[in-house]
Each structure stands twice: as structure tokens, then as C-alpha cells.
Amino acid sequence: MIQAGKRFMIYSPNEAQMGQGGGYWSNDDGWVDLNSATIFDWSERKTFCLPASLGNDADWVDIDGDGTPGSEIHLPADADRPKMGTVP
């Protein structure tokens, strides 16, 4: 089980490679680099939908205590949480 105090970012490998941003999601600016990414808490992760991404591959990434993504750990998207849109 995921601990309630953990923090998360949204990351898309396809957006990192093909998009104009750095693959991390910002609620204010869309796809951005790591330093501009929005950090979410556990309750936000359970509430918010994942944004549309190239290949529909956006997913939650666990954050270490220093604010960086944790060891390339990608958490599965919540199956009961819809994505905001899809890219054909």
C-alpha cells in the first residue's frame, strides 16, 4: 500500500522524447522539465485525472524526499480514474 505522506509527479516518456516539454506535468504550463513539474500529494493523486499524452502513457511517479523522481519507479495509473483525453 502507498503511504499517505508520499508525493508524486506525472511523467510521460513519450512527451519527454517527442513533445516540447521535458515529460513532466505542470498544472499551470502543461508538459515541462523536472524543475517546473507540479507536485501532488496522495489525496490529489486519488482525485485528479491524468492528462492526455502522446501514446497515452502519462503515469504517476513516486518522489523521493529531495523532490526528485524515485529510482525510476512508475506507479500504475488508478484503473478507476479516467484520463482527460486520448491521443489517437
PDB file of N, CA and C in Angstrom:
ATOM      1  N   MET A   1       0.843  -1.188   0.000  1.00  0.00           N
ATOM      2  CA  MET A   1       0.000   0.000   0.000  1.00  0.00           C
ATOM      3  C   MET A   1       0.884   1.246   0.000  1.00  0.00           C
ATOM      4  N   ILE A   2       0.418   2.263  -0.701  1.00  0.00           N
ATOM      5  CA  ILE A   2       1.152   3.520  -0.796  1.00  0.00           C
ATOM      6  C   ILE A   2       0.900   4.343   0.465  1.00  0.00           C
ATOM      7  N   GLN A   3       1.938   4.885   1.037  1.00  0.00           N
ATOM      8  CA  GLN A   3       1.820   5.678   2.255  1.00  0.00           C
ATOM      9  C   GLN A   3       1.201   7.038   1.966  1.00  0.00           C
ATOM     10  N   ALA A   4       0.343   7.488   2.877  1.00  0.00           N
ATOM     11  CA  ALA A   4      -0.393   8.738   2.687  1.00  0.00           C
ATOM     12  C   ALA A   4       0.520   9.956   2.581  1.00  0.00           C
ATOM     13  N   GLY A   5       1.709   9.932   3.165  1.00  0.00           N
ATOM     14  CA  GLY A   5       2.598  11.092   3.144  1.00  0.00           C
ATOM     15  C   GLY A   5       3.438  11.218   1.886  1.00  0.00           C
ATOM     16  N   LYS A   6       3.367  10.252   1.005  1.00  0.00           N
ATOM     17  CA  LYS A   6       4.177  10.297  -0.214  1.00  0.00           C
ATOM     18  C   LYS A   6       3.720  11.410  -1.143  1.00  0.00           C
ATOM     19  N   ARG A   7       4.650  11.815  -2.013  1.00  0.00           N
ATOM     20  CA  ARG A   7       4.352  12.836  -3.013  1.00  0.00           C
ATOM     21  C   ARG A   7       4.635  12.255  -4.394  1.00  0.00           C
ATOM     22  N   PHE A   8       4.006  12.867  -5.405  1.00  0.00           N
ATOM     23  CA  PHE A   8       4.056  12.312  -6.751  1.00  0.00           C
ATOM     24  C   PHE A   8       4.168  13.405  -7.802  1.00  0.00           C
ATOM     25  N   MET A   9       4.657  13.005  -8.979  1.00  0.00           N
ATOM     26  CA  MET A   9       4.629  13.824 -10.181  1.00  0.00           C
ATOM     27  C   MET A   9       3.969  12.973 -11.258  1.00  0.00           C
ATOM     28  N   ILE A  10       3.595  13.633 -12.343  1.00  0.00           N
ATOM     29  CA  ILE A  10       3.099  12.910 -13.508  1.00  0.00           C
ATOM     30  C   ILE A  10       4.185  12.979 -14.573  1.00  0.00           C
ATOM     31  N   TYR A  11       4.492  11.827 -15.165  1.00  0.00           N
ATOM     32  CA  TYR A  11       5.564  11.738 -16.155  1.00  0.00           C
ATOM     33  C   TYR A  11       5.090  10.969 -17.381  1.00  0.00           C
ATOM     34  N   SER A  12       5.544  11.391 -18.548  1.00  0.00           N
ATOM     35  CA  SER A  12       5.259  10.712 -19.809  1.00  0.00           C
ATOM     36  C   SER A  12       6.562  10.523 -20.574  1.00  0.00           C
ATOM     37  N   PRO A  13       7.006   9.278 -20.747  1.00  0.00           N
ATOM     38  CA  PRO A  13       8.219   9.046 -21.541  1.00  0.00           C
ATOM     39  C   PRO A  13       8.092   9.572 -22.972  1.00  0.00           C
ATOM     40  N   ASN A  14       6.906   9.417 -23.577  1.00  0.00           N
ATOM     41  CA  ASN A  14       6.722   9.911 -24.944  1.00  0.00           C
ATOM     42  C   ASN A  14       6.803  11.425 -25.015  1.00  0.00           C
ATOM     43  N   GLU A  15       6.210  12.123 -24.059  1.00  0.00           N
ATOM     44  CA  GLU A  15       6.294  13.585 -24.042  1.00  0.00           C
ATOM     45  C   GLU A  15       7.733  14.036 -23.822  1.00  0.00           C
ATOM     46  N   ALA A  16       8.479  13.287 -23.007  1.00  0.00           N
ATOM     47  CA  ALA A  16       9.886  13.622 -22.760  1.00  0.00           C
ATOM     48  C   ALA A  16      10.699  13.506 -24.047  1.00  0.00           C
ATOM     49  N   GLN A  17      10.378  12.506 -24.848  1.00  0.00           N
ATOM     50  CA  GLN A  17      11.160  12.246 -26.045  1.00  0.00           C
ATOM     51  C   GLN A  17      10.665  13.024 -27.262  1.00  0.00           C
ATOM     52  N   MET A  18       9.350  13.157 -27.409  1.00  0.00           N
ATOM     53  CA  MET A  18       8.796  13.716 -28.635  1.00  0.00           C
ATOM     54  C   MET A  18       8.129  15.081 -28.463  1.00  0.00           C
ATOM     55  N   GLY A  19       7.688  15.382 -27.257  1.00  0.00           N
ATOM     56  CA  GLY A  19       6.949  16.618 -27.036  1.00  0.00           C
ATOM     57  C   GLY A  19       7.856  17.822 -26.880  1.00  0.00           C
ATOM     58  N   GLN A  20       7.249  18.972 -26.640  1.00  0.00           N
ATOM     59  CA  GLN A  20       8.010  20.209 -26.490  1.00  0.00           C
ATOM     60  C   GLN A  20       8.504  20.414 -25.066  1.00  0.00           C
ATOM     61  N   GLY A  21       7.905  19.739 -24.086  1.00  0.00           N
ATOM     62  CA  GLY A  21       8.331  19.868 -22.695  1.00  0.00           C
ATOM     63  C   GLY A  21       9.322  18.788 -22.330  1.00  0.00           C
ATOM     64  N   GLY A  22       9.565  18.645 -21.042  1.00  0.00           N
ATOM     65  CA  GLY A  22      10.529  17.669 -20.567  1.00  0.00           C
ATOM     66  C   GLY A  22       9.919  16.373 -20.093  1.00  0.00           C
ATOM     67  N   GLY A  23       8.625  16.182 -20.306  1.00  0.00           N
ATOM     68  CA  GLY A  23       7.995  14.928 -19.929  1.00  0.00           C
ATOM     69  C   GLY A  23       7.302  14.935 -18.582  1.00  0.00           C
ATOM     70  N   TYR A  24       7.407  16.042 -17.829  1.00  0.00           N
ATOM     71  CA  TYR A  24       6.750  16.149 -16.519  1.00  0.00           C
ATOM     72  C   TYR A  24       5.574  17.112 -16.642  1.00  0.00           C
ATOM     73  N   TRP A  25       4.522  16.869 -15.878  1.00  0.00           N
ATOM     74  CA  TRP A  25       3.308  17.652 -15.987  1.00  0.00           C
ATOM     75  C   TRP A  25       3.284  18.821 -15.006  1.00  0.00           C
ATOM     76  N   SER A  26       2.856  19.980 -15.505  1.00  0.00           N
ATOM     77  CA  SER A  26       2.596  21.163 -14.688  1.00  0.00           C
ATOM     78  C   SER A  26       1.136  21.535 -14.883  1.00  0.00           C
ATOM     79  N   ASN A  27       0.407  21.710 -13.783  1.00  0.00           N
ATOM     80  CA  ASN A  27      -0.987  22.129 -13.889  1.00  0.00           C
ATOM     81  C   ASN A  27      -1.106  23.508 -14.529  1.00  0.00           C
ATOM     82  N   ASP A  28      -0.074  24.318 -14.426  1.00  0.00           N
ATOM     83  CA  ASP A  28      -0.105  25.673 -14.980  1.00  0.00           C
ATOM     84  C   ASP A  28       0.376  25.742 -16.428  1.00  0.00           C
ATOM     85  N   ASP A  29       1.376  24.920 -16.785  1.00  0.00           N
ATOM     86  CA  ASP A  29       2.057  25.083 -18.066  1.00  0.00           C
ATOM     87  C   ASP A  29       2.035  23.872 -18.989  1.00  0.00           C
ATOM     88  N   GLY A  30       1.386  22.790 -18.605  1.00  0.00           N
ATOM     89  CA  GLY A  30       1.385  21.581 -19.438  1.00  0.00           C
ATOM     90  C   GLY A  30       2.662  20.779 -19.238  1.00  0.00           C
ATOM     91  N   TRP A  31       3.195  20.226 -20.321  1.00  0.00           N
ATOM     92  CA  TRP A  31       4.398  19.394 -20.236  1.00  0.00           C
ATOM     93  C   TRP A  31       5.642  20.276 -20.115  1.00  0.00           C
ATOM     94  N   VAL A  32       6.410  20.037 -19.051  1.00  0.00           N
ATOM     95  CA  VAL A  32       7.549  20.888 -18.699  1.00  0.00           C
ATOM     96  C   VAL A  32       8.740  20.030 -18.268  1.00  0.00           C
ATOM     97  N   ASP A  33       9.851  20.690 -17.903  1.00  0.00           N
ATOM     98  CA  ASP A  33      11.004  19.968 -17.373  1.00  0.00           C
ATOM     99  C   ASP A  33      10.777  19.640 -15.889  1.00  0.00           C
ATOM    100  N   LEU A  34      11.654  18.855 -15.350  1.00  0.00           N
ATOM    101  CA  LEU A  34      11.527  18.378 -13.967  1.00  0.00           C
ATOM    102  C   LEU A  34      11.372  19.513 -12.959  1.00  0.00           C
ATOM    103  N   ASN A  35      12.127  20.583 -13.113  1.00  0.00           N
ATOM    104  CA  ASN A  35      12.111  21.675 -12.136  1.00  0.00           C
ATOM    105  C   ASN A  35      10.800  22.450 -12.102  1.00  0.00           C
ATOM    106  N   SER A  36       9.984  22.338 -13.144  1.00  0.00           N
ATOM    107  CA  SER A  36       8.722  23.079 -13.216  1.00  0.00           C
ATOM    108  C   SER A  36       7.497  22.198 -12.971  1.00  0.00           C
ATOM    109  N   ALA A  37       7.708  20.925 -12.687  1.00  0.00           N
ATOM    110  CA  ALA A  37       6.600  19.980 -12.526  1.00  0.00           C
ATOM    111  C   ALA A  37       5.774  20.276 -11.272  1.00  0.00           C
ATOM    112  N   THR A  38       4.477  20.017 -11.373  1.00  0.00           N
ATOM    113  CA  THR A  38       3.587  20.114 -10.217  1.00  0.00           C
ATOM    114  C   THR A  38       3.795  18.886  -9.339  1.00  0.00           C
ATOM    115  N   ILE A  39       3.867  19.105  -8.042  1.00  0.00           N
ATOM    116  CA  ILE A  39       3.996  18.012  -7.084  1.00  0.00           C
ATOM    117  C   ILE A  39       2.626  17.786  -6.446  1.00  0.00           C
ATOM    118  N   PHE A  40       2.208  16.537  -6.436  1.00  0.00           N
ATOM    119  CA  PHE A  40       0.900  16.157  -5.916  1.00  0.00           C
ATOM    120  C   PHE A  40       1.050  15.343  -4.643  1.00  0.00           C
ATOM    121  N   ASP A  41       0.068  15.464  -3.746  1.00  0.00           N
ATOM    122  CA  ASP A  41       0.057  14.592  -2.572  1.00  0.00           C
ATOM    123  C   ASP A  41      -0.867  13.405  -2.859  1.00  0.00           C
ATOM    124  N   TRP A  42      -0.965  12.502  -1.886  1.00  0.00           N
ATOM    125  CA  TRP A  42      -1.727  11.271  -2.076  1.00  0.00           C
ATOM    126  C   TRP A  42      -3.197  11.549  -2.398  1.00  0.00           C
ATOM    127  N   SER A  43      -3.817  12.489  -1.708  1.00  0.00           N
ATOM    128  CA  SER A  43      -5.241  12.756  -1.953  1.00  0.00           C
ATOM    129  C   SER A  43      -5.459  13.336  -3.354  1.00  0.00           C
ATOM    130  N   GLU A  44      -4.523  14.157  -3.823  1.00  0.00           N
ATOM    131  CA  GLU A  44      -4.632  14.696  -5.180  1.00  0.00           C
ATOM    132  C   GLU A  44      -4.457  13.586  -6.211  1.00  0.00           C
ATOM    133  N   ARG A  45      -3.560  12.668  -5.938  1.00  0.00           N
ATOM    134  CA  ARG A  45      -3.336  11.540  -6.854  1.00  0.00           C
ATOM    135  C   ARG A  45      -4.609  10.723  -7.005  1.00  0.00           C
ATOM    136  N   LYS A  46      -5.332  10.545  -5.940  1.00  0.00           N
ATOM    137  CA  LYS A  46      -6.569   9.773  -5.992  1.00  0.00           C
ATOM    138  C   LYS A  46      -7.706  10.549  -6.640  1.00  0.00           C
ATOM    139  N   THR A  47      -7.603  11.870  -6.688  1.00  0.00           N
ATOM    140  CA  THR A  47      -8.680  12.719  -7.178  1.00  0.00           C
ATOM    141  C   THR A  47      -8.500  13.146  -8.628  1.00  0.00           C
ATOM    142  N   PHE A  48      -7.284  13.518  -9.001  1.00  0.00           N
ATOM    143  CA  PHE A  48      -7.040  14.104 -10.315  1.00  0.00           C
ATOM    144  C   PHE A  48      -6.931  13.052 -11.415  1.00  0.00           C
ATOM    145  N   CYS A  49      -7.368  13.436 -12.607  1.00  0.00           N
ATOM    146  CA  CYS A  49      -7.207  12.611 -13.803  1.00  0.00           C
ATOM    147  C   CYS A  49      -5.824  12.847 -14.387  1.00  0.00           C
ATOM    148  N   LEU A  50      -5.287  11.843 -15.026  1.00  0.00           N
ATOM    149  CA  LEU A  50      -4.026  12.016 -15.741  1.00  0.00           C
ATOM    150  C   LEU A  50      -4.283  12.803 -17.019  1.00  0.00           C
ATOM    151  N   PRO A  51      -3.355  13.674 -17.404  1.00  0.00           N
ATOM    152  CA  PRO A  51      -3.539  14.460 -18.630  1.00  0.00           C
ATOM    153  C   PRO A  51      -3.311  13.607 -19.875  1.00  0.00           C
ATOM    154  N   ALA A  52      -3.808  14.087 -20.992  1.00  0.00           N
ATOM    155  CA  ALA A  52      -3.550  13.429 -22.269  1.00  0.00           C
ATOM    156  C   ALA A  52      -2.062  13.544 -22.596  1.00  0.00           C
ATOM    157  N   SER A  53      -1.520  12.490 -23.173  1.00  0.00           N
ATOM    158  CA  SER A  53      -0.110  12.497 -23.552  1.00  0.00           C
ATOM    159  C   SER A  53       0.060  11.720 -24.848  1.00  0.00           C
ATOM    160  N   LEU A  54       1.183  11.945 -25.515  1.00  0.00           N
ATOM    161  CA  LEU A  54       1.497  11.189 -26.726  1.00  0.00           C
ATOM    162  C   LEU A  54       1.532   9.708 -26.368  1.00  0.00           C
ATOM    163  N   GLY A  55       0.818   8.905 -27.095  1.00  0.00           N
ATOM    164  CA  GLY A  55       0.790   7.478 -26.805  1.00  0.00           C
ATOM    165  C   GLY A  55      -0.001   7.130 -25.559  1.00  0.00           C
ATOM    166  N   ASN A  56      -0.636   8.115 -24.946  1.00  0.00           N
ATOM    167  CA  ASN A  56      -1.456   7.892 -23.755  1.00  0.00           C
ATOM    168  C   ASN A  56      -0.671   7.176 -22.647  1.00  0.00           C
ATOM    169  N   ASP A  57       0.597   7.591 -22.440  1.00  0.00           N
ATOM    170  CA  ASP A  57       1.460   6.884 -21.493  1.00  0.00           C
ATOM    171  C   ASP A  57       1.742   7.643 -20.193  1.00  0.00           C
ATOM    172  N   ALA A  58       1.045   8.753 -19.948  1.00  0.00           N
ATOM    173  CA  ALA A  58       1.273   9.507 -18.707  1.00  0.00           C
ATOM    174  C   ALA A  58       0.961   8.626 -17.509  1.00  0.00           C
ATOM    175  N   ASP A  59       1.781   8.731 -16.461  1.00  0.00           N
ATOM    176  CA  ASP A  59       1.585   7.922 -15.265  1.00  0.00           C
ATOM    177  C   ASP A  59       2.175   8.638 -14.058  1.00  0.00           C
ATOM    178  N   TRP A  60       1.799   8.177 -12.886  1.00  0.00           N
ATOM    179  CA  TRP A  60       2.284   8.762 -11.638  1.00  0.00           C
ATOM    180  C   TRP A  60       3.677   8.247 -11.324  1.00  0.00           C
ATOM    181  N   VAL A  61       4.537   9.142 -10.834  1.00  0.00           N
ATOM    182  CA  VAL A  61       5.902   8.804 -10.434  1.00  0.00           C
ATOM    183  C   VAL A  61       6.070   9.186  -8.968  1.00  0.00           C
ATOM    184  N   ASP A  62       6.551   8.255  -8.179  1.00  0.00           N
ATOM    185  CA  ASP A  62       6.839   8.476  -6.768  1.00  0.00           C
ATOM    186  C   ASP A  62       8.005   9.457  -6.644  1.00  0.00           C
ATOM    187  N   ILE A  63       7.949  10.365  -5.655  1.00  0.00           N
ATOM    188  CA  ILE A  63       9.011  11.355  -5.455  1.00  0.00           C
ATOM    189  C   ILE A  63       9.785  11.033  -4.172  1.00  0.00           C
ATOM    190  N   ASP A  64      11.106  11.082  -4.275  1.00  0.00           N
ATOM    191  CA  ASP A  64      11.964  10.919  -3.098  1.00  0.00           C
ATOM    192  C   ASP A  64      11.888  12.163  -2.219  1.00  0.00           C
ATOM    193  N   GLY A  65      12.439  12.094  -1.030  1.00  0.00           N
ATOM    194  CA  GLY A  65      12.434  13.212  -0.090  1.00  0.00           C
ATOM    195  C   GLY A  65      13.092  14.473  -0.611  1.00  0.00           C
ATOM    196  N   ASP A  66      14.013  14.350  -1.567  1.00  0.00           N
ATOM    197  CA  ASP A  66      14.686  15.538  -2.111  1.00  0.00           C
ATOM    198  C   ASP A  66      13.925  16.179  -3.265  1.00  0.00           C
ATOM    199  N   GLY A  67      12.735  15.659  -3.576  1.00  0.00           N
ATOM    200  CA  GLY A  67      11.912  16.247  -4.623  1.00  0.00           C
ATOM    201  C   GLY A  67      12.190  15.741  -6.020  1.00  0.00           C
ATOM    202  N   THR A  68      13.009  14.696  -6.152  1.00  0.00           N
ATOM    203  CA  THR A  68      13.292  14.124  -7.457  1.00  0.00           C
ATOM    204  C   THR A  68      12.554  12.799  -7.618  1.00  0.00           C
ATOM    205  N   PRO A  69      12.298  12.395  -8.860  1.00  0.00           N
ATOM    206  CA  PRO A  69      11.627  11.109  -9.071  1.00  0.00           C
ATOM    207  C   PRO A  69      12.413   9.975  -8.438  1.00  0.00           C
ATOM    208  N   GLY A  70      11.718   9.077  -7.797  1.00  0.00           N
ATOM    209  CA  GLY A  70      12.354   7.981  -7.069  1.00  0.00           C
ATOM    210  C   GLY A  70      12.753   6.820  -7.939  1.00  0.00           C
ATOM    211  N   SER A  71      14.002   6.649  -8.166  1.00  0.00           N
ATOM    212  CA  SER A  71      14.591   5.467  -8.790  1.00  0.00           C
ATOM    213  C   SER A  71      13.792   4.907  -9.959  1.00  0.00           C
ATOM    214  N   GLU A  72      13.281   5.778 -10.800  1.00  0.00           N
ATOM    215  CA  GLU A  72      12.521   5.356 -11.970  1.00  0.00           C
ATOM    216  C   GLU A  72      11.334   4.471 -11.611  1.00  0.00           C
ATOM    217  N   ILE A  73      10.782   4.656 -10.419  1.00  0.00           N
ATOM    218  CA  ILE A  73       9.609   3.886 -10.014  1.00  0.00           C
ATOM    219  C   ILE A  73       8.379   4.557 -10.603  1.00  0.00           C
ATOM    220  N   HIS A  74       7.706   3.864 -11.494  1.00  0.00           N
ATOM    221  CA  HIS A  74       6.470   4.366 -12.066  1.00  0.00           C
ATOM    222  C   HIS A  74       5.325   3.576 -11.472  1.00  0.00           C
ATOM    223  N   LEU A  75       4.427   4.267 -10.849  1.00  0.00           N
ATOM    224  CA  LEU A  75       3.275   3.617 -10.246  1.00  0.00           C
ATOM    225  C   LEU A  75       2.194   3.449 -11.297  1.00  0.00           C
ATOM    226  N   PRO A  76       1.437   2.349 -11.226  1.00  0.00           N
ATOM    227  CA  PRO A  76       0.364   2.184 -12.203  1.00  0.00           C
ATOM    228  C   PRO A  76      -0.721   3.220 -11.999  1.00  0.00           C
ATOM    229  N   ALA A  77      -1.303   3.667 -13.095  1.00  0.00           N
ATOM    230  CA  ALA A  77      -2.420   4.611 -13.002  1.00  0.00           C
ATOM    231  C   ALA A  77      -3.583   3.903 -12.330  1.00  0.00           C
ATOM    232  N   ASP A  78      -4.384   4.650 -11.609  1.00  0.00           N
ATOM    233  CA  ASP A  78      -5.561   4.065 -10.977  1.00  0.00           C
ATOM    234  C   ASP A  78      -6.536   3.646 -12.063  1.00  0.00           C
ATOM    235  N   ALA A  79      -6.907   2.400 -12.074  1.00  0.00           N
ATOM    236  CA  ALA A  79      -7.790   1.878 -13.114  1.00  0.00           C
ATOM    237  C   ALA A  79      -9.151   2.560 -13.102  1.00  0.00           C
ATOM    238  N   ASP A  80      -9.574   3.018 -11.936  1.00  0.00           N
ATOM    239  CA  ASP A  80     -10.893   3.641 -11.832  1.00  0.00           C
ATOM    240  C   ASP A  80     -10.840   5.143 -12.073  1.00  0.00           C
ATOM    241  N   ARG A  81      -9.693   5.688 -12.422  1.00  0.00           N
ATOM    242  CA  ARG A  81      -9.561   7.118 -12.674  1.00  0.00           C
ATOM    243  C   ARG A  81      -9.409   7.349 -14.172  1.00  0.00           C
ATOM    244  N   PRO A  82     -10.360   8.037 -14.802  1.00  0.00           N
ATOM    245  CA  PRO A  82     -10.248   8.248 -16.249  1.00  0.00           C
ATOM    246  C   PRO A  82      -9.158   9.251 -16.593  1.00  0.00           C
ATOM    247  N   LYS A  83      -8.645   9.128 -17.799  1.00  0.00           N
ATOM    248  CA  LYS A  83      -7.699  10.115 -18.311  1.00  0.00           C
ATOM    249  C   LYS A  83      -8.510  11.225 -18.959  1.00  0.00           C
ATOM    250  N   MET A  84      -7.944  12.427 -19.005  1.00  0.00           N
ATOM    251  CA  MET A  84      -8.668  13.577 -19.517  1.00  0.00           C
ATOM    252  C   MET A  84      -8.898  13.526 -21.021  1.00  0.00           C
ATOM    253  N   GLY A  85      -8.185  12.722 -21.725  1.00  0.00           N
ATOM    254  CA  GLY A  85      -8.339  12.610 -23.161  1.00  0.00           C
ATOM    255  C   GLY A  85      -7.337  11.620 -23.703  1.00  0.00           C
ATOM    256  N   THR A  86      -7.465  11.306 -24.935  1.00  0.00           N
ATOM    257  CA  THR A  86      -6.511  10.387 -25.529  1.00  0.00           C
ATOM    258  C   THR A  86      -5.982  10.988 -26.813  1.00  0.00           C
ATOM    259  N   VAL A  87      -4.810  10.551 -27.190  1.00  0.00           N
ATOM    260  CA  VAL A  87      -4.203  10.974 -28.443  1.00  0.00           C
ATOM    261  C   VAL A  87      -4.264   9.774 -29.374  1.00  0.00           C
ATOM    262  N   PRO A  88      -4.910   9.904 -30.513  1.00  0.00           N
ATOM    263  CA  PRO A  88      -5.031   8.742 -31.429  1.00  0.00           C
ATOM    264  C   PRO A  88      -3.689   8.278 -31.929  1.00  0.00           C
TER     265      PRO A  88
END
